[in-house]
Amino acid sequence: VRRITAAQWRTLGARSPRYIDAYWDRVDEPGSDTVGKRRSQWLADLSPFREARSVLELGCGAGRNLYALQQRHPRTELYGIDISPEGIAHASRQVRGQLLSGDLYDFDTLLPGLEVDLIFTMGVLIHLHPGTLPALIARMRRQARRHLVFVEQVSERGEVVKGPARWRPSRRVTGCYIQWSPNLRKILDDIGLRFQFFEIPLDVQSNGARHLFIVPLSR
């Protein structure tokens, strides 16, 4: 699973030249109104981001969310990790911060020793095997001082919603693209993390980004 998903996302820029534009979604164009731009601006307005002095995004893509945070909170220190080198290259031209290309399955080795106020994901945990999420979130908990924020698409069944036909997913696409709907509620409960859970506004929902978890932390 790791090999398939890593290859899928690491080579996305080369296979799909429009990937960067689609992800960026005109967030830097004054007056534009797109779902991606609205979602990033909605994220930046959440209270945990208003309180944070430093933020790390896991799976930052081309940097649309970080750019929105930079515009809304210019004094916040920004960090980002993404497996796509093309995504990181684009984000680095738009965002003032420390951005790194790397595989989240190796999160323990990325930005070692970094502590920030808040770590977040948007439509990223759905692409990692659910069995790996408890360890990843536990690591995030150790590196975040105040909040974890997840904007994901979850269910109680933790089922595959896209993937190879032999897995018999309820919905599949051509090729080896894999997407889960993880039971994030149970994972957080099992780790012992309390959280607030919401459905995100309909006008900013998309595949992979429908539910919001805000996890307050204490040291």
N, C-alpha and C. Protein backbone atom coordinates (compact mmCIF):
# COMPACT_ATOMS: atom_id res chain seq x y z
N VAL A 1 0.83 -1.20 0.00
CA VAL A 1 0.00 0.00 0.00
C VAL A 1 0.87 1.26 0.00
N ARG A 2 1.88 1.25 0.86
CA ARG A 2 2.76 2.42 0.90
C ARG A 2 3.41 2.66 -0.46
N ARG A 3 3.89 1.59 -1.09
CA ARG A 3 4.56 1.73 -2.39
C ARG A 3 3.62 2.32 -3.44
N ILE A 4 2.39 1.83 -3.46
CA ILE A 4 1.42 2.30 -4.46
C ILE A 4 1.07 3.76 -4.22
N THR A 5 0.73 4.10 -2.97
CA THR A 5 0.31 5.47 -2.70
C THR A 5 1.45 6.46 -2.86
N ALA A 6 2.65 6.08 -2.42
CA ALA A 6 3.79 6.98 -2.56
C ALA A 6 4.09 7.25 -4.03
N ALA A 7 4.07 6.20 -4.86
CA ALA A 7 4.33 6.38 -6.29
C ALA A 7 3.26 7.24 -6.93
N GLN A 8 2.00 7.05 -6.52
CA GLN A 8 0.89 7.82 -7.08
C GLN A 8 1.09 9.31 -6.87
N TRP A 9 1.43 9.69 -5.65
CA TRP A 9 1.51 11.12 -5.34
C TRP A 9 2.87 11.73 -5.67
N ARG A 10 3.94 10.95 -5.58
CA ARG A 10 5.26 11.49 -5.90
C ARG A 10 5.38 11.86 -7.38
N THR A 11 4.68 11.13 -8.24
CA THR A 11 4.80 11.35 -9.68
C THR A 11 3.62 12.14 -10.25
N LEU A 12 2.75 12.64 -9.38
CA LEU A 12 1.53 13.28 -9.87
C LEU A 12 1.83 14.50 -10.74
N GLY A 13 2.80 15.31 -10.33
CA GLY A 13 3.12 16.50 -11.11
C GLY A 13 3.56 16.18 -12.52
N ALA A 14 4.37 15.13 -12.67
CA ALA A 14 4.85 14.74 -14.00
C ALA A 14 3.73 14.14 -14.84
N ARG A 15 2.83 13.38 -14.21
CA ARG A 15 1.76 12.72 -14.96
C ARG A 15 0.59 13.64 -15.25
N SER A 16 0.37 14.61 -14.39
CA SER A 16 -0.79 15.51 -14.53
C SER A 16 -0.31 16.95 -14.44
N PRO A 17 0.10 17.54 -15.57
CA PRO A 17 0.66 18.89 -15.54
C PRO A 17 -0.28 19.95 -14.96
N ARG A 18 -1.57 19.70 -14.97
CA ARG A 18 -2.53 20.69 -14.45
C ARG A 18 -2.76 20.53 -12.95
N TYR A 19 -2.09 19.57 -12.33
CA TYR A 19 -2.30 19.32 -10.91
C TYR A 19 -2.05 20.57 -10.06
N ILE A 20 -0.95 21.27 -10.33
CA ILE A 20 -0.61 22.45 -9.52
C ILE A 20 -1.70 23.51 -9.62
N ASP A 21 -2.12 23.82 -10.85
CA ASP A 21 -3.15 24.84 -11.03
C ASP A 21 -4.46 24.42 -10.36
N ALA A 22 -4.81 23.13 -10.49
CA ALA A 22 -6.07 22.67 -9.90
C ALA A 22 -6.03 22.79 -8.38
N TYR A 23 -4.90 22.43 -7.77
CA TYR A 23 -4.80 22.51 -6.32
C TYR A 23 -4.72 23.97 -5.86
N TRP A 24 -3.94 24.75 -6.57
CA TRP A 24 -3.76 26.16 -6.18
C TRP A 24 -5.08 26.91 -6.22
N ASP A 25 -5.88 26.64 -7.25
CA ASP A 25 -7.26 27.12 -7.36
C ASP A 25 -7.38 28.63 -7.21
N ARG A 26 -6.44 29.36 -7.82
CA ARG A 26 -6.54 30.82 -7.96
C ARG A 26 -6.62 31.55 -6.62
N VAL A 27 -6.02 30.97 -5.59
CA VAL A 27 -6.12 31.56 -4.27
C VAL A 27 -5.45 32.93 -4.22
N ASP A 28 -4.48 33.19 -5.12
CA ASP A 28 -3.77 34.46 -5.10
C ASP A 28 -4.39 35.51 -6.01
N GLU A 29 -5.52 35.20 -6.66
CA GLU A 29 -6.15 36.15 -7.57
C GLU A 29 -7.21 36.95 -6.84
N PRO A 30 -7.03 38.27 -6.70
CA PRO A 30 -8.05 39.09 -6.04
C PRO A 30 -9.37 38.99 -6.79
N GLY A 31 -10.44 38.82 -6.04
CA GLY A 31 -11.76 38.78 -6.64
C GLY A 31 -12.20 37.42 -7.15
N SER A 32 -11.29 36.44 -7.23
CA SER A 32 -11.70 35.12 -7.69
C SER A 32 -12.54 34.43 -6.62
N ASP A 33 -13.44 33.56 -7.05
CA ASP A 33 -14.31 32.84 -6.12
C ASP A 33 -14.34 31.38 -6.54
N THR A 34 -13.53 30.56 -5.89
CA THR A 34 -13.47 29.13 -6.18
C THR A 34 -13.66 28.36 -4.88
N VAL A 35 -14.05 27.10 -5.00
CA VAL A 35 -14.27 26.27 -3.82
C VAL A 35 -12.98 26.14 -3.01
N GLY A 36 -11.86 25.88 -3.71
CA GLY A 36 -10.60 25.72 -3.00
C GLY A 36 -10.19 26.98 -2.26
N LYS A 37 -10.34 28.12 -2.91
CA LYS A 37 -9.98 29.38 -2.27
C LYS A 37 -10.87 29.63 -1.05
N ARG A 38 -12.19 29.42 -1.21
CA ARG A 38 -13.10 29.62 -0.08
C ARG A 38 -12.76 28.68 1.07
N ARG A 39 -12.41 27.43 0.74
CA ARG A 39 -12.10 26.47 1.80
C ARG A 39 -10.83 26.88 2.55
N SER A 40 -9.82 27.32 1.82
CA SER A 40 -8.58 27.75 2.48
C SER A 40 -8.80 28.98 3.35
N GLN A 41 -9.62 29.91 2.88
CA GLN A 41 -9.90 31.10 3.67
C GLN A 41 -10.76 30.77 4.88
N TRP A 42 -11.71 29.84 4.70
CA TRP A 42 -12.51 29.37 5.85
C TRP A 42 -11.59 28.75 6.90
N LEU A 43 -10.65 27.93 6.46
CA LEU A 43 -9.70 27.30 7.38
C LEU A 43 -8.92 28.35 8.15
N ALA A 44 -8.40 29.34 7.45
CA ALA A 44 -7.56 30.37 8.08
C ALA A 44 -8.33 31.17 9.12
N ASP A 45 -9.66 31.19 9.01
CA ASP A 45 -10.48 31.94 9.96
C ASP A 45 -10.87 31.14 11.20
N LEU A 46 -10.55 29.84 11.23
CA LEU A 46 -10.88 29.05 12.42
C LEU A 46 -10.09 29.55 13.62
N SER A 47 -10.72 29.51 14.78
CA SER A 47 -10.11 30.11 15.97
C SER A 47 -8.74 29.52 16.32
N PRO A 48 -8.48 28.21 16.16
CA PRO A 48 -7.14 27.71 16.50
C PRO A 48 -6.04 28.37 15.68
N PHE A 49 -6.33 28.75 14.42
CA PHE A 49 -5.31 29.39 13.59
C PHE A 49 -5.12 30.85 13.98
N ARG A 50 -6.17 31.48 14.46
CA ARG A 50 -6.03 32.86 14.91
C ARG A 50 -5.14 32.93 16.15
N GLU A 51 -5.10 31.86 16.93
CA GLU A 51 -4.32 31.84 18.16
C GLU A 51 -2.89 31.33 17.97
N ALA A 52 -2.62 30.69 16.84
CA ALA A 52 -1.33 30.00 16.65
C ALA A 52 -0.24 30.96 16.17
N ARG A 53 0.95 30.79 16.73
CA ARG A 53 2.11 31.55 16.26
C ARG A 53 2.95 30.75 15.28
N SER A 54 2.73 29.43 15.23
CA SER A 54 3.46 28.58 14.29
C SER A 54 2.55 27.43 13.88
N VAL A 55 2.62 27.07 12.58
CA VAL A 55 1.69 26.09 12.01
C VAL A 55 2.45 25.18 11.06
N LEU A 56 2.16 23.88 11.11
CA LEU A 56 2.71 22.89 10.18
C LEU A 56 1.57 22.20 9.47
N GLU A 57 1.60 22.19 8.12
CA GLU A 57 0.62 21.43 7.35
C GLU A 57 1.28 20.17 6.80
N LEU A 58 0.66 19.02 7.05
CA LEU A 58 1.10 17.76 6.48
C LEU A 58 0.31 17.51 5.20
N GLY A 59 1.02 17.36 4.09
CA GLY A 59 0.35 17.22 2.80
C GLY A 59 -0.09 18.56 2.26
N CYS A 60 0.83 19.50 2.20
CA CYS A 60 0.47 20.89 1.85
C CYS A 60 0.28 21.11 0.36
N GLY A 61 0.62 20.10 -0.47
CA GLY A 61 0.42 20.27 -1.91
C GLY A 61 1.16 21.48 -2.45
N ALA A 62 0.46 22.28 -3.24
CA ALA A 62 1.05 23.47 -3.84
C ALA A 62 1.00 24.68 -2.93
N GLY A 63 0.54 24.50 -1.69
CA GLY A 63 0.63 25.57 -0.70
C GLY A 63 -0.56 26.48 -0.59
N ARG A 64 -1.71 26.08 -1.15
CA ARG A 64 -2.87 26.99 -1.13
C ARG A 64 -3.29 27.34 0.28
N ASN A 65 -3.36 26.35 1.18
CA ASN A 65 -3.78 26.63 2.56
C ASN A 65 -2.76 27.51 3.27
N LEU A 66 -1.48 27.21 3.08
CA LEU A 66 -0.44 28.01 3.73
C LEU A 66 -0.45 29.44 3.22
N TYR A 67 -0.72 29.62 1.93
CA TYR A 67 -0.80 30.97 1.37
C TYR A 67 -1.95 31.75 2.01
N ALA A 68 -3.11 31.09 2.17
CA ALA A 68 -4.25 31.76 2.81
C ALA A 68 -3.92 32.12 4.25
N LEU A 69 -3.23 31.24 4.95
CA LEU A 69 -2.82 31.54 6.31
C LEU A 69 -1.84 32.71 6.34
N GLN A 70 -0.92 32.74 5.40
CA GLN A 70 0.05 33.83 5.31
C GLN A 70 -0.64 35.17 5.09
N GLN A 71 -1.66 35.17 4.25
CA GLN A 71 -2.40 36.42 3.99
C GLN A 71 -3.18 36.87 5.21
N ARG A 72 -3.79 35.92 5.90
CA ARG A 72 -4.65 36.25 7.04
C ARG A 72 -3.87 36.49 8.32
N HIS A 73 -2.75 35.77 8.48
CA HIS A 73 -1.96 35.85 9.72
C HIS A 73 -0.48 36.01 9.36
N PRO A 74 -0.08 37.18 8.91
CA PRO A 74 1.27 37.35 8.35
C PRO A 74 2.40 37.11 9.34
N ARG A 75 2.14 37.14 10.62
CA ARG A 75 3.21 36.92 11.61
C ARG A 75 3.38 35.45 12.01
N THR A 76 2.52 34.59 11.52
CA THR A 76 2.59 33.18 11.88
C THR A 76 3.73 32.50 11.13
N GLU A 77 4.54 31.72 11.84
CA GLU A 77 5.58 30.92 11.20
C GLU A 77 4.93 29.71 10.52
N LEU A 78 5.29 29.47 9.25
CA LEU A 78 4.64 28.43 8.47
C LEU A 78 5.62 27.34 8.07
N TYR A 79 5.16 26.09 8.17
CA TYR A 79 5.92 24.92 7.76
C TYR A 79 5.00 24.01 6.96
N GLY A 80 5.58 23.30 5.99
CA GLY A 80 4.78 22.39 5.20
C GLY A 80 5.59 21.21 4.70
N ILE A 81 4.93 20.07 4.60
CA ILE A 81 5.53 18.85 4.06
C ILE A 81 4.60 18.28 3.00
N ASP A 82 5.16 17.88 1.87
CA ASP A 82 4.37 17.19 0.85
C ASP A 82 5.27 16.25 0.06
N ILE A 83 4.69 15.16 -0.41
CA ILE A 83 5.48 14.17 -1.14
C ILE A 83 5.80 14.62 -2.55
N SER A 84 5.03 15.57 -3.09
CA SER A 84 5.23 16.03 -4.47
C SER A 84 6.31 17.10 -4.55
N PRO A 85 7.42 16.85 -5.23
CA PRO A 85 8.44 17.89 -5.35
C PRO A 85 7.94 19.10 -6.14
N GLU A 86 7.06 18.86 -7.14
CA GLU A 86 6.50 19.99 -7.90
C GLU A 86 5.61 20.85 -7.02
N GLY A 87 4.83 20.20 -6.14
CA GLY A 87 3.99 20.96 -5.23
C GLY A 87 4.81 21.82 -4.29
N ILE A 88 5.86 21.26 -3.72
CA ILE A 88 6.72 22.01 -2.81
C ILE A 88 7.43 23.14 -3.55
N ALA A 89 7.86 22.90 -4.77
CA ALA A 89 8.53 23.95 -5.55
C ALA A 89 7.59 25.13 -5.76
N HIS A 90 6.33 24.85 -6.10
CA HIS A 90 5.36 25.93 -6.29
C HIS A 90 5.08 26.65 -4.98
N ALA A 91 4.85 25.88 -3.92
CA ALA A 91 4.55 26.48 -2.63
C ALA A 91 5.70 27.37 -2.15
N SER A 92 6.93 26.96 -2.42
CA SER A 92 8.10 27.72 -1.97
C SER A 92 8.20 29.08 -2.65
N ARG A 93 7.60 29.20 -3.83
CA ARG A 93 7.61 30.50 -4.52
C ARG A 93 6.53 31.43 -3.99
N GLN A 94 5.58 30.88 -3.25
CA GLN A 94 4.42 31.67 -2.82
C GLN A 94 4.37 31.90 -1.31
N VAL A 95 5.01 31.02 -0.56
CA VAL A 95 4.85 31.02 0.89
C VAL A 95 6.19 31.27 1.57
N ARG A 96 6.20 32.16 2.54
CA ARG A 96 7.39 32.40 3.35
C ARG A 96 7.39 31.39 4.50
N GLY A 97 8.26 30.42 4.43
CA GLY A 97 8.29 29.41 5.47
C GLY A 97 9.25 28.30 5.11
N GLN A 98 9.29 27.28 5.92
CA GLN A 98 10.15 26.12 5.70
C GLN A 98 9.30 25.00 5.12
N LEU A 99 9.55 24.66 3.86
CA LEU A 99 8.76 23.67 3.15
C LEU A 99 9.66 22.53 2.71
N LEU A 100 9.16 21.30 2.83
CA LEU A 100 10.01 20.13 2.65
C LEU A 100 9.25 19.07 1.87
N SER A 101 9.93 18.45 0.90
CA SER A 101 9.36 17.32 0.19
C SER A 101 9.70 16.03 0.94
N GLY A 102 8.67 15.27 1.32
CA GLY A 102 8.90 14.04 2.06
C GLY A 102 7.64 13.21 2.16
N ASP A 103 7.81 11.95 2.50
CA ASP A 103 6.74 10.96 2.61
C ASP A 103 6.23 10.94 4.05
N LEU A 104 4.93 11.11 4.25
CA LEU A 104 4.39 11.15 5.61
C LEU A 104 4.51 9.81 6.33
N TYR A 105 4.71 8.72 5.59
CA TYR A 105 5.00 7.46 6.26
C TYR A 105 6.34 7.54 6.99
N ASP A 106 7.17 8.54 6.63
CA ASP A 106 8.46 8.76 7.30
C ASP A 106 8.43 10.01 8.18
N PHE A 107 7.27 10.38 8.67
CA PHE A 107 7.13 11.63 9.39
C PHE A 107 8.09 11.74 10.57
N ASP A 108 8.40 10.62 11.19
CA ASP A 108 9.32 10.65 12.35
C ASP A 108 10.68 11.24 11.99
N THR A 109 11.08 11.13 10.73
CA THR A 109 12.41 11.59 10.32
C THR A 109 12.38 12.98 9.69
N LEU A 110 11.20 13.56 9.50
CA LEU A 110 11.08 14.85 8.84
C LEU A 110 10.99 15.97 9.88
N LEU A 111 11.72 17.04 9.65
CA LEU A 111 11.74 18.19 10.56
C LEU A 111 11.92 17.73 12.01
N PRO A 112 12.94 16.94 12.29
CA PRO A 112 13.14 16.42 13.66
C PRO A 112 13.33 17.56 14.66
N GLY A 113 12.70 17.40 15.80
CA GLY A 113 12.83 18.39 16.86
C GLY A 113 11.92 19.59 16.72
N LEU A 114 11.22 19.70 15.59
CA LEU A 114 10.33 20.85 15.40
C LEU A 114 9.12 20.75 16.32
N GLU A 115 8.81 21.83 17.01
CA GLU A 115 7.56 21.95 17.75
C GLU A 115 6.84 23.20 17.27
N VAL A 116 5.55 23.08 17.03
CA VAL A 116 4.73 24.21 16.58
C VAL A 116 3.47 24.26 17.42
N ASP A 117 2.74 25.37 17.31
CA ASP A 117 1.50 25.49 18.06
C ASP A 117 0.41 24.59 17.49
N LEU A 118 0.41 24.40 16.16
CA LEU A 118 -0.71 23.70 15.52
C LEU A 118 -0.21 22.89 14.34
N ILE A 119 -0.71 21.67 14.20
CA ILE A 119 -0.46 20.83 13.03
C ILE A 119 -1.80 20.47 12.42
N PHE A 120 -1.90 20.52 11.08
CA PHE A 120 -3.19 20.22 10.45
C PHE A 120 -3.02 19.45 9.15
N THR A 121 -4.12 18.82 8.74
CA THR A 121 -4.21 18.15 7.44
C THR A 121 -5.52 18.53 6.78
N MET A 122 -5.55 18.45 5.46
CA MET A 122 -6.79 18.64 4.71
C MET A 122 -6.82 17.63 3.57
N GLY A 123 -7.70 16.64 3.67
CA GLY A 123 -7.82 15.63 2.63
C GLY A 123 -6.54 14.85 2.41
N VAL A 124 -5.85 14.52 3.49
CA VAL A 124 -4.55 13.83 3.42
C VAL A 124 -4.60 12.47 4.11
N LEU A 125 -5.21 12.39 5.29
CA LEU A 125 -5.26 11.12 6.01
C LEU A 125 -6.03 10.08 5.23
N ILE A 126 -6.92 10.48 4.34
CA ILE A 126 -7.68 9.55 3.51
C ILE A 126 -6.79 8.78 2.55
N HIS A 127 -5.56 9.24 2.34
CA HIS A 127 -4.65 8.56 1.42
C HIS A 127 -3.60 7.70 2.12
N LEU A 128 -3.67 7.64 3.44
CA LEU A 128 -2.74 6.80 4.21
C LEU A 128 -3.50 5.61 4.79
N HIS A 129 -2.84 4.47 4.88
CA HIS A 129 -3.51 3.29 5.42
C HIS A 129 -4.00 3.57 6.84
N PRO A 130 -5.29 3.28 7.13
CA PRO A 130 -5.82 3.59 8.47
C PRO A 130 -5.00 2.97 9.60
N GLY A 131 -4.36 1.82 9.34
CA GLY A 131 -3.56 1.19 10.37
C GLY A 131 -2.34 2.00 10.77
N THR A 132 -1.92 2.95 9.93
CA THR A 132 -0.76 3.78 10.24
C THR A 132 -1.14 5.08 10.95
N LEU A 133 -2.44 5.39 10.98
CA LEU A 133 -2.84 6.70 11.50
C LEU A 133 -2.62 6.87 13.01
N PRO A 134 -2.86 5.86 13.85
CA PRO A 134 -2.63 6.08 15.29
C PRO A 134 -1.20 6.54 15.59
N ALA A 135 -0.21 5.90 14.98
CA ALA A 135 1.18 6.29 15.24
C ALA A 135 1.48 7.68 14.69
N LEU A 136 0.93 7.99 13.49
CA LEU A 136 1.15 9.31 12.91
C LEU A 136 0.55 10.40 13.78
N ILE A 137 -0.69 10.19 14.23
CA ILE A 137 -1.35 11.21 15.05
C ILE A 137 -0.68 11.34 16.41
N ALA A 138 -0.20 10.23 16.96
CA ALA A 138 0.53 10.30 18.23
C ALA A 138 1.80 11.14 18.06
N ARG A 139 2.47 10.99 16.91
CA ARG A 139 3.65 11.81 16.63
C ARG A 139 3.27 13.28 16.49
N MET A 140 2.17 13.56 15.79
CA MET A 140 1.70 14.93 15.65
C MET A 140 1.42 15.53 17.03
N ARG A 141 0.82 14.73 17.89
CA ARG A 141 0.51 15.19 19.25
C ARG A 141 1.78 15.62 19.98
N ARG A 142 2.87 14.88 19.78
CA ARG A 142 4.11 15.21 20.48
C ARG A 142 4.75 16.49 19.94
N GLN A 143 4.48 16.82 18.69
CA GLN A 143 5.13 17.98 18.08
C GLN A 143 4.26 19.24 18.07
N ALA A 144 3.00 19.10 18.46
CA ALA A 144 2.10 20.26 18.50
C ALA A 144 1.85 20.66 19.95
N ARG A 145 1.89 21.95 20.20
CA ARG A 145 1.71 22.43 21.57
C ARG A 145 0.25 22.71 21.92
N ARG A 146 -0.55 23.18 20.94
CA ARG A 146 -1.87 23.68 21.28
C ARG A 146 -3.03 22.98 20.59
N HIS A 147 -2.90 22.68 19.28
CA HIS A 147 -4.02 22.09 18.57
C HIS A 147 -3.57 21.15 17.45
N LEU A 148 -4.39 20.14 17.18
CA LEU A 148 -4.40 19.42 15.93
C LEU A 148 -5.72 19.73 15.24
N VAL A 149 -5.67 19.94 13.92
CA VAL A 149 -6.88 20.21 13.15
C VAL A 149 -6.88 19.29 11.94
N PHE A 150 -7.99 18.56 11.76
CA PHE A 150 -8.12 17.65 10.63
C PHE A 150 -9.35 18.03 9.82
N VAL A 151 -9.17 18.29 8.53
CA VAL A 151 -10.28 18.47 7.60
C VAL A 151 -10.24 17.28 6.66
N GLU A 152 -11.07 16.31 6.91
CA GLU A 152 -10.99 15.03 6.23
C GLU A 152 -12.39 14.51 5.89
N GLN A 153 -12.47 13.34 5.30
CA GLN A 153 -13.73 12.67 5.02
C GLN A 153 -13.69 11.34 5.74
N VAL A 154 -14.55 11.16 6.75
CA VAL A 154 -14.43 10.00 7.63
C VAL A 154 -15.75 9.24 7.70
N SER A 155 -15.67 8.01 8.20
CA SER A 155 -16.85 7.19 8.44
C SER A 155 -16.56 6.30 9.63
N GLU A 156 -17.55 5.55 10.06
CA GLU A 156 -17.35 4.61 11.16
C GLU A 156 -16.84 3.27 10.66
N ARG A 157 -16.82 3.07 9.35
CA ARG A 157 -16.45 1.76 8.81
C ARG A 157 -14.99 1.70 8.37
N GLY A 158 -14.35 2.82 8.19
CA GLY A 158 -12.97 2.82 7.75
C GLY A 158 -12.78 2.12 6.42
N GLU A 159 -13.73 2.31 5.50
CA GLU A 159 -13.74 1.52 4.27
C GLU A 159 -12.92 2.16 3.16
N VAL A 160 -12.54 1.33 2.20
CA VAL A 160 -11.93 1.82 0.97
C VAL A 160 -13.05 2.39 0.10
N VAL A 161 -12.91 3.62 -0.35
CA VAL A 161 -13.91 4.20 -1.23
C VAL A 161 -13.41 4.32 -2.67
N LYS A 162 -12.10 4.23 -2.85
CA LYS A 162 -11.51 4.18 -4.18
C LYS A 162 -10.31 3.25 -4.13
N GLY A 163 -10.12 2.46 -5.16
CA GLY A 163 -8.97 1.59 -5.15
C GLY A 163 -9.07 0.50 -6.19
N PRO A 164 -8.08 -0.41 -6.22
CA PRO A 164 -8.08 -1.50 -7.19
C PRO A 164 -9.34 -2.35 -7.09
N ALA A 165 -9.81 -2.87 -8.23
CA ALA A 165 -11.05 -3.63 -8.25
C ALA A 165 -11.00 -4.84 -7.33
N ARG A 166 -9.84 -5.46 -7.16
CA ARG A 166 -9.76 -6.66 -6.34
C ARG A 166 -10.07 -6.38 -4.87
N TRP A 167 -10.03 -5.11 -4.46
CA TRP A 167 -10.38 -4.77 -3.10
C TRP A 167 -11.89 -4.61 -2.92
N ARG A 168 -12.63 -4.68 -4.00
CA ARG A 168 -14.08 -4.53 -3.99
C ARG A 168 -14.52 -3.25 -3.28
N PRO A 169 -13.96 -2.11 -3.65
CA PRO A 169 -14.42 -0.87 -3.01
C PRO A 169 -15.81 -0.51 -3.48
N SER A 170 -16.50 0.27 -2.68
CA SER A 170 -17.85 0.70 -3.07
C SER A 170 -17.80 1.68 -4.23
N ARG A 171 -16.66 2.30 -4.41
CA ARG A 171 -16.49 3.21 -5.54
C ARG A 171 -15.05 3.07 -5.99
N ARG A 172 -14.82 2.88 -7.27
CA ARG A 172 -13.44 2.70 -7.70
C ARG A 172 -13.16 3.53 -8.94
N VAL A 173 -11.89 3.80 -9.16
CA VAL A 173 -11.45 4.54 -10.34
C VAL A 173 -10.39 3.70 -11.03
N THR A 174 -10.04 4.11 -12.23
CA THR A 174 -9.04 3.38 -12.99
C THR A 174 -7.67 3.51 -12.33
N GLY A 175 -6.91 2.42 -12.40
CA GLY A 175 -5.54 2.48 -11.90
C GLY A 175 -5.43 2.10 -10.44
N CYS A 176 -4.37 2.58 -9.78
CA CYS A 176 -4.05 2.16 -8.41
C CYS A 176 -4.35 3.23 -7.37
N TYR A 177 -5.09 4.25 -7.74
CA TYR A 177 -5.45 5.30 -6.80
C TYR A 177 -6.20 4.70 -5.61
N ILE A 178 -5.79 5.02 -4.39
CA ILE A 178 -6.40 4.45 -3.19
C ILE A 178 -6.87 5.57 -2.28
N GLN A 179 -8.09 5.43 -1.78
CA GLN A 179 -8.61 6.40 -0.82
C GLN A 179 -9.48 5.68 0.20
N TRP A 180 -9.25 5.99 1.47
CA TRP A 180 -10.06 5.43 2.54
C TRP A 180 -11.02 6.48 3.09
N SER A 181 -11.95 6.01 3.90
CA SER A 181 -12.78 6.88 4.71
C SER A 181 -12.55 6.44 6.16
N PRO A 182 -11.47 6.92 6.78
CA PRO A 182 -11.03 6.34 8.07
C PRO A 182 -11.98 6.67 9.22
N ASN A 183 -12.00 5.80 10.20
CA ASN A 183 -12.79 6.02 11.41
C ASN A 183 -11.97 6.88 12.38
N LEU A 184 -11.88 8.15 12.06
CA LEU A 184 -11.01 9.04 12.82
C LEU A 184 -11.53 9.27 14.24
N ARG A 185 -12.83 9.22 14.41
CA ARG A 185 -13.39 9.36 15.76
C ARG A 185 -12.81 8.28 16.69
N LYS A 186 -12.86 7.03 16.24
CA LYS A 186 -12.38 5.94 17.08
C LYS A 186 -10.88 6.04 17.31
N ILE A 187 -10.14 6.41 16.28
CA ILE A 187 -8.69 6.54 16.43
C ILE A 187 -8.34 7.57 17.49
N LEU A 188 -9.01 8.71 17.46
CA LEU A 188 -8.74 9.76 18.45
C LEU A 188 -9.18 9.31 19.84
N ASP A 189 -10.34 8.64 19.92
CA ASP A 189 -10.80 8.13 21.22
C ASP A 189 -9.80 7.14 21.80
N ASP A 190 -9.29 6.23 20.95
CA ASP A 190 -8.37 5.20 21.43
C ASP A 190 -7.05 5.81 21.90
N ILE A 191 -6.63 6.90 21.26
CA ILE A 191 -5.40 7.57 21.68
C ILE A 191 -5.62 8.36 22.97
N GLY A 192 -6.89 8.67 23.25
CA GLY A 192 -7.22 9.45 24.44
C GLY A 192 -7.27 10.94 24.18
N LEU A 193 -7.57 11.33 22.95
CA LEU A 193 -7.65 12.73 22.59
C LEU A 193 -9.11 13.16 22.50
N ARG A 194 -9.47 14.18 23.25
CA ARG A 194 -10.81 14.73 23.11
C ARG A 194 -10.84 15.66 21.91
N PHE A 195 -12.01 15.84 21.32
CA PHE A 195 -12.09 16.63 20.09
C PHE A 195 -13.48 17.22 19.92
N GLN A 196 -13.54 18.25 19.09
CA GLN A 196 -14.79 18.79 18.59
C GLN A 196 -14.95 18.34 17.15
N PHE A 197 -16.18 17.97 16.78
CA PHE A 197 -16.43 17.43 15.44
C PHE A 197 -17.54 18.23 14.78
N PHE A 198 -17.32 18.60 13.51
CA PHE A 198 -18.30 19.36 12.75
C PHE A 198 -18.31 18.87 11.29
N GLU A 199 -19.43 19.06 10.62
CA GLU A 199 -19.42 19.01 9.16
C GLU A 199 -19.04 20.40 8.67
N ILE A 200 -18.16 20.47 7.68
CA ILE A 200 -17.75 21.78 7.22
C ILE A 200 -18.84 22.37 6.33
N PRO A 201 -18.90 23.68 6.14
CA PRO A 201 -19.96 24.30 5.35
C PRO A 201 -20.06 23.70 3.95
N LEU A 202 -21.28 23.56 3.47
CA LEU A 202 -21.50 22.91 2.18
C LEU A 202 -20.78 23.61 1.04
N ASP A 203 -20.66 24.93 1.11
CA ASP A 203 -20.07 25.65 -0.02
C ASP A 203 -18.56 25.51 -0.09
N VAL A 204 -17.93 24.82 0.90
CA VAL A 204 -16.50 24.57 0.83
C VAL A 204 -16.18 23.08 0.92
N GLN A 205 -17.20 22.23 0.87
CA GLN A 205 -16.97 20.80 0.90
C GLN A 205 -16.45 20.29 -0.44
N SER A 206 -15.70 19.20 -0.38
CA SER A 206 -15.27 18.51 -1.59
C SER A 206 -14.96 17.07 -1.22
N ASN A 207 -14.72 16.25 -2.21
CA ASN A 207 -14.29 14.89 -1.93
C ASN A 207 -13.03 14.92 -1.07
N GLY A 208 -13.07 14.24 0.04
CA GLY A 208 -11.91 14.20 0.91
C GLY A 208 -11.88 15.27 1.97
N ALA A 209 -12.77 16.25 1.90
CA ALA A 209 -12.75 17.36 2.87
C ALA A 209 -14.19 17.74 3.22
N ARG A 210 -14.76 16.97 4.14
CA ARG A 210 -16.16 17.20 4.53
C ARG A 210 -16.36 17.34 6.03
N HIS A 211 -15.41 16.87 6.80
CA HIS A 211 -15.57 16.86 8.25
C HIS A 211 -14.38 17.54 8.92
N LEU A 212 -14.68 18.24 10.01
CA LEU A 212 -13.66 19.00 10.74
C LEU A 212 -13.54 18.45 12.15
N PHE A 213 -12.28 18.12 12.53
CA PHE A 213 -11.96 17.76 13.91
C PHE A 213 -11.01 18.82 14.44
N ILE A 214 -11.36 19.39 15.59
CA ILE A 214 -10.47 20.29 16.31
C ILE A 214 -10.08 19.61 17.60
N VAL A 215 -8.78 19.37 17.78
CA VAL A 215 -8.27 18.62 18.93
C VAL A 215 -7.45 19.57 19.79
N PRO A 216 -7.95 20.00 20.93
CA PRO A 216 -7.14 20.85 21.82
C PRO A 216 -6.13 20.00 22.57
N LEU A 217 -4.94 20.54 22.74
CA LEU A 217 -3.86 19.83 23.41
C LEU A 217 -3.41 20.61 24.64
N SER A 218 -2.81 19.91 25.55
CA SER A 218 -2.23 20.57 26.73
C SER A 218 -0.90 19.90 27.03
N ARG A 219 0.02 20.67 27.52
CA ARG A 219 1.35 20.17 27.86
C ARG A 219 1.50 20.11 29.37
